[in-house]
Amino acid sequence: SGSRNLGGTCARNVVERGGKVVLCDSVSMKDAGEELQQSLGQKDFMFVPTDLSQEDDVRSALKLTKEKFGRLDVTINCPYFAKSSRLMINVKHVPEANTNLSGEMMDLLFKTNVTSVFNVCRLSAELMAKNSPDSNGQRGVIINKSHRLAFNSSLAPYSMSQAAIIGMTLPMARDFKDLGVRVNSIATGFYRYQIPFMKGAQFQKFLSMMAFPYSLGSEDTFYHLCEKIVTNPYMNGEVVKLDGAVNTSFF
C-alpha cells in the first residue's frame, strides 16, 4: 500500500525483478498510481484505488489480487499521514499553539496510520493462508512501516500512531503462526519527502545530528531491507530500525 515514495519504490523494484504487484492507495492518489501503471505496464502491475480503513474496500482489492495473479505472498504496508503538532490546548502564550491537532484530525491520523494497517494485515493473512506452504511451512510475509519517532519524540499524536504499529507486530506474528504467515516491521528514519519544511541552516543542523553517513534515507534502502526480511525465513515478530542512528531529540 502507498503509491508514492516508499510504496512506489517497492512496487517498481519488485516488478523490475520479475515479481507481480497490486498497489492500493486512496482515490486522492489515483494520479500517482496511474503514473506507475503506465510506467510498469499492466501485465505485472495493477493499481487499485482503495480506502484501506474500510474492510469491504480491502476485501475487494484482495479479491482483484486473487483474480489477476492467483495468490498473495507478500504484503508491505507503507502508510503516511504525518501531523507534527503537539498536544497544546488554549495556550495563548505559546506561538505554535495554532498547530494544535483537532480531534477530527487525530481520528484521520489513526485511521490512516493504524486502522488501515491492521485491516490490510488481517485480511492479507486470510488470503495468504490459502497458499500451499513452502518447505518451511511458510505461506506469506507481512511487513509494516513504522517510524523511529515511536521511540523518542515530543510529537505525541504521530508517535502514538507509529508505536501502535510496533505494538501489533509481535502479537500479530504469534496470532498468525498457525497460518504460516510472518509479520515484521521497519522503523524508518527520515526521508526528504517527510521534512520538506526544513531548509538551509535548519536542514544542515538536522543532518549534523545524525551519525555516519550523515544523510537522509533513500527509498531503495527501504526496499532492500524488505527484500532481506522476505528471504530470511527465521525473521518473525521483529521491529528493525532503519534510521541511520538519527537523533530524534530534534523533534
C-alpha atoms as a PDB file:
ATOM      1  CA  SER A   1       0.000   0.000   0.000  1.00  0.00           C
ATOM      2  CA  GLY A   2       1.138   3.569  -0.661  1.00  0.00           C
ATOM      3  CA  SER A   3       1.698   4.697  -4.248  1.00  0.00           C
ATOM      4  CA  ARG A   4       4.335   7.367  -3.717  1.00  0.00           C
ATOM      5  CA  ASN A   5       7.786   7.277  -2.173  1.00  0.00           C
ATOM      6  CA  LEU A   6       8.391   4.006  -0.255  1.00  0.00           C
ATOM      7  CA  GLY A   7       5.386   2.103  -1.590  1.00  0.00           C
ATOM      8  CA  GLY A   8       6.001   3.188  -5.152  1.00  0.00           C
ATOM      9  CA  THR A   9       9.701   2.361  -4.917  1.00  0.00           C
ATOM     10  CA  CYS A  10       8.948  -1.127  -3.597  1.00  0.00           C
ATOM     11  CA  ALA A  11       6.435  -1.703  -6.392  1.00  0.00           C
ATOM     12  CA  ARG A  12       8.885  -0.617  -9.068  1.00  0.00           C
ATOM     13  CA  ASN A  13      11.703  -2.778  -7.677  1.00  0.00           C
ATOM     14  CA  VAL A  14       9.527  -5.877  -7.403  1.00  0.00           C
ATOM     15  CA  VAL A  15       8.208  -5.591 -10.959  1.00  0.00           C
ATOM     16  CA  GLU A  16      11.665  -4.878 -12.377  1.00  0.00           C
ATOM     17  CA  ARG A  17      12.892  -8.072 -10.687  1.00  0.00           C
ATOM     18  CA  GLY A  18      10.156 -10.194 -12.209  1.00  0.00           C
ATOM     19  CA  GLY A  19       7.541 -10.003  -9.480  1.00  0.00           C
ATOM     20  CA  LYS A  20       3.887  -9.032  -9.628  1.00  0.00           C
ATOM     21  CA  VAL A  21       2.362  -6.147  -7.676  1.00  0.00           C
ATOM     22  CA  VAL A  22      -1.051  -4.870  -6.707  1.00  0.00           C
ATOM     23  CA  LEU A  23      -0.695  -1.363  -5.303  1.00  0.00           C
ATOM     24  CA  CYS A  24      -3.506   0.037  -3.173  1.00  0.00           C
ATOM     25  CA  ASP A  25      -3.901   3.668  -2.195  1.00  0.00           C
ATOM     26  CA  SER A  26      -6.618   6.248  -1.666  1.00  0.00           C
ATOM     27  CA  VAL A  27      -8.568   7.740  -4.547  1.00  0.00           C
ATOM     28  CA  SER A  28      -6.721  11.020  -3.923  1.00  0.00           C
ATOM     29  CA  MET A  29      -3.507   9.262  -5.024  1.00  0.00           C
ATOM     30  CA  LYS A  30      -5.041   7.950  -8.239  1.00  0.00           C
ATOM     31  CA  ASP A  31      -2.790  10.074 -10.466  1.00  0.00           C
ATOM     32  CA  ALA A  32       0.359   8.683  -8.826  1.00  0.00           C
ATOM     33  CA  GLY A  33      -0.960   5.141  -9.102  1.00  0.00           C
ATOM     34  CA  GLU A  34      -1.891   5.525 -12.748  1.00  0.00           C
ATOM     35  CA  GLU A  35       1.517   7.042 -13.468  1.00  0.00           C
ATOM     36  CA  LEU A  36       3.126   3.892 -12.091  1.00  0.00           C
ATOM     37  CA  GLN A  37       0.669   1.815 -14.093  1.00  0.00           C
ATOM     38  CA  GLN A  38       1.780   3.490 -17.307  1.00  0.00           C
ATOM     39  CA  SER A  39       5.435   3.063 -16.399  1.00  0.00           C
ATOM     40  CA  LEU A  40       5.286  -0.578 -15.290  1.00  0.00           C
ATOM     41  CA  GLY A  41       2.599  -1.848 -17.646  1.00  0.00           C
ATOM     42  CA  GLN A  42      -0.498  -3.903 -16.933  1.00  0.00           C
ATOM     43  CA  LYS A  43       0.892  -7.418 -17.151  1.00  0.00           C
ATOM     44  CA  ASP A  44       2.655  -7.486 -13.775  1.00  0.00           C
ATOM     45  CA  PHE A  45       1.208  -4.421 -12.049  1.00  0.00           C
ATOM     46  CA  MET A  46      -2.223  -3.204 -11.040  1.00  0.00           C
ATOM     47  CA  PHE A  47      -3.235  -0.067  -9.169  1.00  0.00           C
ATOM     48  CA  VAL A  48      -6.431  -0.286  -7.136  1.00  0.00           C
ATOM     49  CA  PRO A  49      -7.886   2.892  -5.557  1.00  0.00           C
ATOM     50  CA  THR A  50      -8.814   1.720  -2.070  1.00  0.00           C
ATOM     51  CA  ASP A  51      -9.912   3.132   1.264  1.00  0.00           C
ATOM     52  CA  LEU A  52      -7.737   0.831   3.331  1.00  0.00           C
ATOM     53  CA  SER A  53      -9.549   1.757   6.545  1.00  0.00           C
ATOM     54  CA  GLN A  54     -12.722   0.120   5.187  1.00  0.00           C
ATOM     55  CA  GLU A  55     -12.907  -3.673   5.367  1.00  0.00           C
ATOM     56  CA  ASP A  56     -15.090  -4.031   2.272  1.00  0.00           C
ATOM     57  CA  ASP A  57     -12.642  -1.974   0.192  1.00  0.00           C
ATOM     58  CA  VAL A  58      -9.692  -4.072   1.324  1.00  0.00           C
ATOM     59  CA  ARG A  59     -11.547  -7.325   0.651  1.00  0.00           C
ATOM     60  CA  SER A  60     -12.395  -6.070  -2.828  1.00  0.00           C
ATOM     61  CA  ALA A  61      -8.740  -5.228  -3.543  1.00  0.00           C
ATOM     62  CA  LEU A  62      -7.628  -8.651  -2.328  1.00  0.00           C
ATOM     63  CA  LYS A  63     -10.273 -10.313  -4.491  1.00  0.00           C
ATOM     64  CA  LEU A  64      -8.865  -8.488  -7.524  1.00  0.00           C
ATOM     65  CA  THR A  65      -5.379  -9.628  -6.488  1.00  0.00           C
ATOM     66  CA  LYS A  66      -6.503 -13.248  -6.392  1.00  0.00           C
ATOM     67  CA  GLU A  67      -8.279 -12.945  -9.742  1.00  0.00           C
ATOM     68  CA  LYS A  68      -5.354 -11.317 -11.549  1.00  0.00           C
ATOM     69  CA  PHE A  69      -2.350 -13.101 -10.048  1.00  0.00           C
ATOM     70  CA  GLY A  70      -3.797 -16.178  -8.350  1.00  0.00           C
ATOM     71  CA  ARG A  71      -2.239 -15.649  -4.912  1.00  0.00           C
ATOM     72  CA  LEU A  72      -0.757 -13.210  -2.409  1.00  0.00           C
ATOM     73  CA  ASP A  73       2.702 -13.901  -0.984  1.00  0.00           C
ATOM     74  CA  VAL A  74       3.900 -10.586   0.461  1.00  0.00           C
ATOM     75  CA  THR A  75       2.157  -7.515   1.840  1.00  0.00           C
ATOM     76  CA  ILE A  76       4.077  -4.292   2.510  1.00  0.00           C
ATOM     77  CA  ASN A  77       2.202  -1.528   4.301  1.00  0.00           C
ATOM     78  CA  CYS A  78       3.612   1.984   3.850  1.00  0.00           C
ATOM     79  CA  PRO A  79       1.053   4.346   5.391  1.00  0.00           C
ATOM     80  CA  TYR A  80       1.949   8.005   5.538  1.00  0.00           C
ATOM     81  CA  PHE A  81      -0.124  10.631   7.231  1.00  0.00           C
ATOM     82  CA  ALA A  82       2.048  12.849   9.410  1.00  0.00           C
ATOM     83  CA  LYS A  83       0.988  15.744  11.568  1.00  0.00           C
ATOM     84  CA  SER A  84       3.816  17.221  13.609  1.00  0.00           C
ATOM     85  CA  SER A  85       1.544  19.083  16.017  1.00  0.00           C
ATOM     86  CA  ARG A  86       1.992  18.823  19.747  1.00  0.00           C
ATOM     87  CA  LEU A  87      -0.888  18.488  22.173  1.00  0.00           C
ATOM     88  CA  MET A  88      -1.422  22.121  23.162  1.00  0.00           C
ATOM     89  CA  ILE A  89      -4.844  23.396  24.069  1.00  0.00           C
ATOM     90  CA  ASN A  90      -5.627  27.086  24.515  1.00  0.00           C
ATOM     91  CA  VAL A  91      -2.078  28.057  25.438  1.00  0.00           C
ATOM     92  CA  LYS A  92      -2.076  31.603  24.110  1.00  0.00           C
ATOM     93  CA  HIS A  93       1.489  32.437  25.085  1.00  0.00           C
ATOM     94  CA  VAL A  94       2.873  29.557  23.002  1.00  0.00           C
ATOM     95  CA  PRO A  95       3.426  30.705  19.390  1.00  0.00           C
ATOM     96  CA  GLU A  96       2.975  27.214  17.975  1.00  0.00           C
ATOM     97  CA  ALA A  97      -0.461  26.854  19.554  1.00  0.00           C
ATOM     98  CA  ASN A  98      -2.121  27.343  16.182  1.00  0.00           C
ATOM     99  CA  THR A  99      -0.732  23.968  15.106  1.00  0.00           C
ATOM    100  CA  ASN A 100      -2.869  22.077  17.627  1.00  0.00           C
ATOM    101  CA  LEU A 101      -4.225  18.773  16.389  1.00  0.00           C
ATOM    102  CA  SER A 102      -8.012  18.651  16.371  1.00  0.00           C
ATOM    103  CA  GLY A 103      -9.947  15.579  17.410  1.00  0.00           C
ATOM    104  CA  GLU A 104     -11.089  15.160  13.822  1.00  0.00           C
ATOM    105  CA  MET A 105      -7.513  15.263  12.542  1.00  0.00           C
ATOM    106  CA  MET A 106      -6.443  12.815  15.248  1.00  0.00           C
ATOM    107  CA  ASP A 107      -9.108  10.384  14.051  1.00  0.00           C
ATOM    108  CA  LEU A 108      -7.839  10.708  10.477  1.00  0.00           C
ATOM    109  CA  LEU A 109      -4.253  10.176  11.635  1.00  0.00           C
ATOM    110  CA  PHE A 110      -5.118   6.883  13.327  1.00  0.00           C
ATOM    111  CA  LYS A 111      -7.490   5.831  10.568  1.00  0.00           C
ATOM    112  CA  THR A 112      -4.686   6.168   8.017  1.00  0.00           C
ATOM    113  CA  ASN A 113      -1.681   5.010  10.024  1.00  0.00           C
ATOM    114  CA  VAL A 114      -3.188   2.332  12.270  1.00  0.00           C
ATOM    115  CA  THR A 115      -6.661   1.125  11.276  1.00  0.00           C
ATOM    116  CA  SER A 116      -5.645   0.760   7.635  1.00  0.00           C
ATOM    117  CA  VAL A 117      -2.550  -1.251   8.519  1.00  0.00           C
ATOM    118  CA  PHE A 118      -4.495  -3.510  10.869  1.00  0.00           C
ATOM    119  CA  ASN A 119      -7.175  -4.159   8.248  1.00  0.00           C
ATOM    120  CA  VAL A 120      -4.705  -4.955   5.491  1.00  0.00           C
ATOM    121  CA  CYS A 121      -2.684  -7.261   7.748  1.00  0.00           C
ATOM    122  CA  ARG A 122      -5.542  -9.409   8.986  1.00  0.00           C
ATOM    123  CA  LEU A 123      -7.258  -9.658   5.608  1.00  0.00           C
ATOM    124  CA  SER A 124      -3.999 -10.314   3.756  1.00  0.00           C
ATOM    125  CA  ALA A 125      -3.197 -13.137   6.166  1.00  0.00           C
ATOM    126  CA  GLU A 126      -6.608 -14.622   5.439  1.00  0.00           C
ATOM    127  CA  LEU A 127      -5.779 -14.792   1.726  1.00  0.00           C
ATOM    128  CA  MET A 128      -2.187 -15.943   2.291  1.00  0.00           C
ATOM    129  CA  ALA A 129      -3.483 -18.835   4.385  1.00  0.00           C
ATOM    130  CA  LYS A 130      -4.906 -20.335   1.175  1.00  0.00           C
ATOM    131  CA  ASN A 131      -1.407 -20.689  -0.326  1.00  0.00           C
ATOM    132  CA  SER A 132       0.366 -24.030  -0.314  1.00  0.00           C
ATOM    133  CA  PRO A 133       3.156 -23.868   2.295  1.00  0.00           C
ATOM    134  CA  ASP A 134       6.780 -23.833   1.205  1.00  0.00           C
ATOM    135  CA  SER A 135       9.452 -26.157   2.628  1.00  0.00           C
ATOM    136  CA  ASN A 136       9.490 -24.112   5.853  1.00  0.00           C
ATOM    137  CA  GLY A 137       5.719 -24.175   6.208  1.00  0.00           C
ATOM    138  CA  GLN A 138       5.503 -20.516   5.208  1.00  0.00           C
ATOM    139  CA  ARG A 139       2.531 -19.153   3.292  1.00  0.00           C
ATOM    140  CA  GLY A 140       3.191 -15.419   3.382  1.00  0.00           C
ATOM    141  CA  VAL A 141       5.069 -12.420   4.756  1.00  0.00           C
ATOM    142  CA  ILE A 142       3.757  -9.094   6.045  1.00  0.00           C
ATOM    143  CA  ILE A 143       5.965  -6.022   6.520  1.00  0.00           C
ATOM    144  CA  ASN A 144       4.689  -2.826   8.120  1.00  0.00           C
ATOM    145  CA  LYS A 145       6.422   0.531   8.016  1.00  0.00           C
ATOM    146  CA  SER A 146       6.633   2.411  11.292  1.00  0.00           C
ATOM    147  CA  HIS A 147       8.907   5.285  12.315  1.00  0.00           C
ATOM    148  CA  ARG A 148      11.792   5.989  14.664  1.00  0.00           C
ATOM    149  CA  LEU A 149       9.674   8.698  16.317  1.00  0.00           C
ATOM    150  CA  ALA A 150       7.694   5.929  18.006  1.00  0.00           C
ATOM    151  CA  PHE A 151      10.619   5.528  20.419  1.00  0.00           C
ATOM    152  CA  ASN A 152      11.761   9.081  21.108  1.00  0.00           C
ATOM    153  CA  SER A 153       9.785  12.204  20.265  1.00  0.00           C
ATOM    154  CA  SER A 154       7.778  15.042  21.744  1.00  0.00           C
ATOM    155  CA  LEU A 155       5.181  14.765  18.974  1.00  0.00           C
ATOM    156  CA  ALA A 156       2.611  12.647  20.786  1.00  0.00           C
ATOM    157  CA  PRO A 157      -0.041  12.166  18.053  1.00  0.00           C
ATOM    158  CA  TYR A 158       2.235  10.901  15.280  1.00  0.00           C
ATOM    159  CA  SER A 159       4.447   8.963  17.701  1.00  0.00           C
ATOM    160  CA  MET A 160       1.404   7.221  19.150  1.00  0.00           C
ATOM    161  CA  SER A 161       0.296   6.084  15.713  1.00  0.00           C
ATOM    162  CA  GLN A 162       3.742   4.687  14.944  1.00  0.00           C
ATOM    163  CA  ALA A 163       4.013   2.980  18.329  1.00  0.00           C
ATOM    164  CA  ALA A 164       0.715   1.237  17.611  1.00  0.00           C
ATOM    165  CA  ILE A 165       2.211  -0.389  14.521  1.00  0.00           C
ATOM    166  CA  ILE A 166       5.210  -1.541  16.528  1.00  0.00           C
ATOM    167  CA  GLY A 167       2.931  -2.793  19.292  1.00  0.00           C
ATOM    168  CA  MET A 168       0.936  -5.024  16.962  1.00  0.00           C
ATOM    169  CA  THR A 169       3.991  -6.659  15.365  1.00  0.00           C
ATOM    170  CA  LEU A 170       4.856  -9.434  17.820  1.00  0.00           C
ATOM    171  CA  PRO A 171       1.274 -10.269  18.891  1.00  0.00           C
ATOM    172  CA  MET A 172       0.232 -10.449  15.251  1.00  0.00           C
ATOM    173  CA  ALA A 173       3.177 -12.720  14.408  1.00  0.00           C
ATOM    174  CA  ARG A 174       2.011 -15.041  17.174  1.00  0.00           C
ATOM    175  CA  ASP A 175      -1.621 -14.828  16.087  1.00  0.00           C
ATOM    176  CA  PHE A 176      -0.686 -15.840  12.545  1.00  0.00           C
ATOM    177  CA  LYS A 177       1.713 -18.648  13.486  1.00  0.00           C
ATOM    178  CA  ASP A 178      -0.733 -21.413  12.554  1.00  0.00           C
ATOM    179  CA  LEU A 179      -1.281 -19.759   9.175  1.00  0.00           C
ATOM    180  CA  GLY A 180       2.411 -19.814   8.290  1.00  0.00           C
ATOM    181  CA  VAL A 181       2.490 -16.025   7.951  1.00  0.00           C
ATOM    182  CA  ARG A 182       5.403 -13.969   9.281  1.00  0.00           C
ATOM    183  CA  VAL A 183       4.981 -10.354  10.450  1.00  0.00           C
ATOM    184  CA  ASN A 184       7.787  -7.816  10.850  1.00  0.00           C
ATOM    185  CA  SER A 185       8.029  -4.031  10.989  1.00  0.00           C
ATOM    186  CA  ILE A 186      10.606  -1.472   9.900  1.00  0.00           C
ATOM    187  CA  ALA A 187      11.004   1.705  11.956  1.00  0.00           C
ATOM    188  CA  THR A 188      12.459   4.130   9.453  1.00  0.00           C
ATOM    189  CA  GLY A 189      14.329   7.342   9.929  1.00  0.00           C
ATOM    190  CA  PHE A 190      13.674  10.386   7.786  1.00  0.00           C
ATOM    191  CA  TYR A 191      13.265  10.783   4.051  1.00  0.00           C
ATOM    192  CA  ARG A 192      13.318  14.113   2.273  1.00  0.00           C
ATOM    193  CA  TYR A 193       9.621  13.983   1.423  1.00  0.00           C
ATOM    194  CA  GLN A 194       8.801  13.797   5.152  1.00  0.00           C
ATOM    195  CA  ILE A 195      10.509  17.061   6.099  1.00  0.00           C
ATOM    196  CA  PRO A 196      10.033  19.459   3.166  1.00  0.00           C
ATOM    197  CA  PHE A 197       9.743  22.353   5.610  1.00  0.00           C
ATOM    198  CA  MET A 198      13.419  22.063   6.562  1.00  0.00           C
ATOM    199  CA  LYS A 199      15.669  24.277   4.521  1.00  0.00           C
ATOM    200  CA  GLY A 200      19.075  25.920   4.681  1.00  0.00           C
ATOM    201  CA  ALA A 201      20.725  26.155   8.098  1.00  0.00           C
ATOM    202  CA  GLN A 202      17.922  24.254   9.822  1.00  0.00           C
ATOM    203  CA  PHE A 203      18.323  21.319   7.449  1.00  0.00           C
ATOM    204  CA  GLN A 204      22.113  21.300   7.845  1.00  0.00           C
ATOM    205  CA  LYS A 205      21.734  21.320  11.626  1.00  0.00           C
ATOM    206  CA  PHE A 206      19.424  18.342  11.380  1.00  0.00           C
ATOM    207  CA  LEU A 207      21.921  16.420   9.243  1.00  0.00           C
ATOM    208  CA  SER A 208      24.715  17.243  11.698  1.00  0.00           C
ATOM    209  CA  MET A 209      22.784  15.451  14.447  1.00  0.00           C
ATOM    210  CA  MET A 210      22.975  12.192  12.528  1.00  0.00           C
ATOM    211  CA  ALA A 211      25.625   9.542  12.756  1.00  0.00           C
ATOM    212  CA  PHE A 212      27.543   8.408   9.674  1.00  0.00           C
ATOM    213  CA  PRO A 213      26.665   8.596   6.780  1.00  0.00           C
ATOM    214  CA  TYR A 214      25.117  11.977   7.735  1.00  0.00           C
ATOM    215  CA  SER A 215      22.267  11.717   5.273  1.00  0.00           C
ATOM    216  CA  LEU A 216      18.571  11.077   4.965  1.00  0.00           C
ATOM    217  CA  GLY A 217      17.346   7.649   3.993  1.00  0.00           C
ATOM    218  CA  SER A 218      16.771   6.611   0.409  1.00  0.00           C
ATOM    219  CA  GLU A 219      13.701   4.714  -0.687  1.00  0.00           C
ATOM    220  CA  ASP A 220      15.857   1.974  -2.209  1.00  0.00           C
ATOM    221  CA  THR A 221      17.410   1.128   1.173  1.00  0.00           C
ATOM    222  CA  PHE A 222      13.906   0.501   2.496  1.00  0.00           C
ATOM    223  CA  TYR A 223      13.160  -1.868  -0.369  1.00  0.00           C
ATOM    224  CA  HIS A 224      16.442  -3.739   0.127  1.00  0.00           C
ATOM    225  CA  LEU A 225      15.600  -4.358   3.789  1.00  0.00           C
ATOM    226  CA  CYS A 226      12.125  -5.564   2.825  1.00  0.00           C
ATOM    227  CA  GLU A 227      13.762  -7.986   0.409  1.00  0.00           C
ATOM    228  CA  LYS A 228      16.018  -9.337   3.167  1.00  0.00           C
ATOM    229  CA  ILE A 229      13.080  -9.798   5.516  1.00  0.00           C
ATOM    230  CA  VAL A 230      11.114 -11.684   2.871  1.00  0.00           C
ATOM    231  CA  THR A 231      14.002 -14.025   2.064  1.00  0.00           C
ATOM    232  CA  ASN A 232      15.006 -14.735   5.683  1.00  0.00           C
ATOM    233  CA  PRO A 233      12.557 -17.432   6.837  1.00  0.00           C
ATOM    234  CA  TYR A 234      13.568 -17.184  10.509  1.00  0.00           C
ATOM    235  CA  MET A 235      12.827 -13.493  10.943  1.00  0.00           C
ATOM    236  CA  ASN A 236       9.464 -13.021  12.615  1.00  0.00           C
ATOM    237  CA  GLY A 237       7.878 -10.639  15.117  1.00  0.00           C
ATOM    238  CA  GLU A 238      10.760  -8.173  14.837  1.00  0.00           C
ATOM    239  CA  VAL A 239      10.962  -4.393  14.594  1.00  0.00           C
ATOM    240  CA  VAL A 240      14.070  -3.313  12.690  1.00  0.00           C
ATOM    241  CA  LYS A 241      15.316   0.259  12.942  1.00  0.00           C
ATOM    242  CA  LEU A 242      16.442   1.686   9.616  1.00  0.00           C
ATOM    243  CA  ASP A 243      17.177   5.219  10.729  1.00  0.00           C
ATOM    244  CA  GLY A 244      20.888   5.936  10.314  1.00  0.00           C
ATOM    245  CA  ALA A 245      21.173   6.319  14.115  1.00  0.00           C
ATOM    246  CA  VAL A 246      19.331   9.633  13.832  1.00  0.00           C
ATOM    247  CA  ASN A 247      18.966  11.784  16.937  1.00  0.00           C
ATOM    248  CA  THR A 248      15.230  12.385  17.175  1.00  0.00           C
ATOM    249  CA  SER A 249      15.512  14.857  20.063  1.00  0.00           C
ATOM    250  CA  PHE A 250      15.308  17.458  17.284  1.00  0.00           C
ATOM    251  CA  PHE A 251      11.594  16.669  17.289  1.00  0.00           C
END
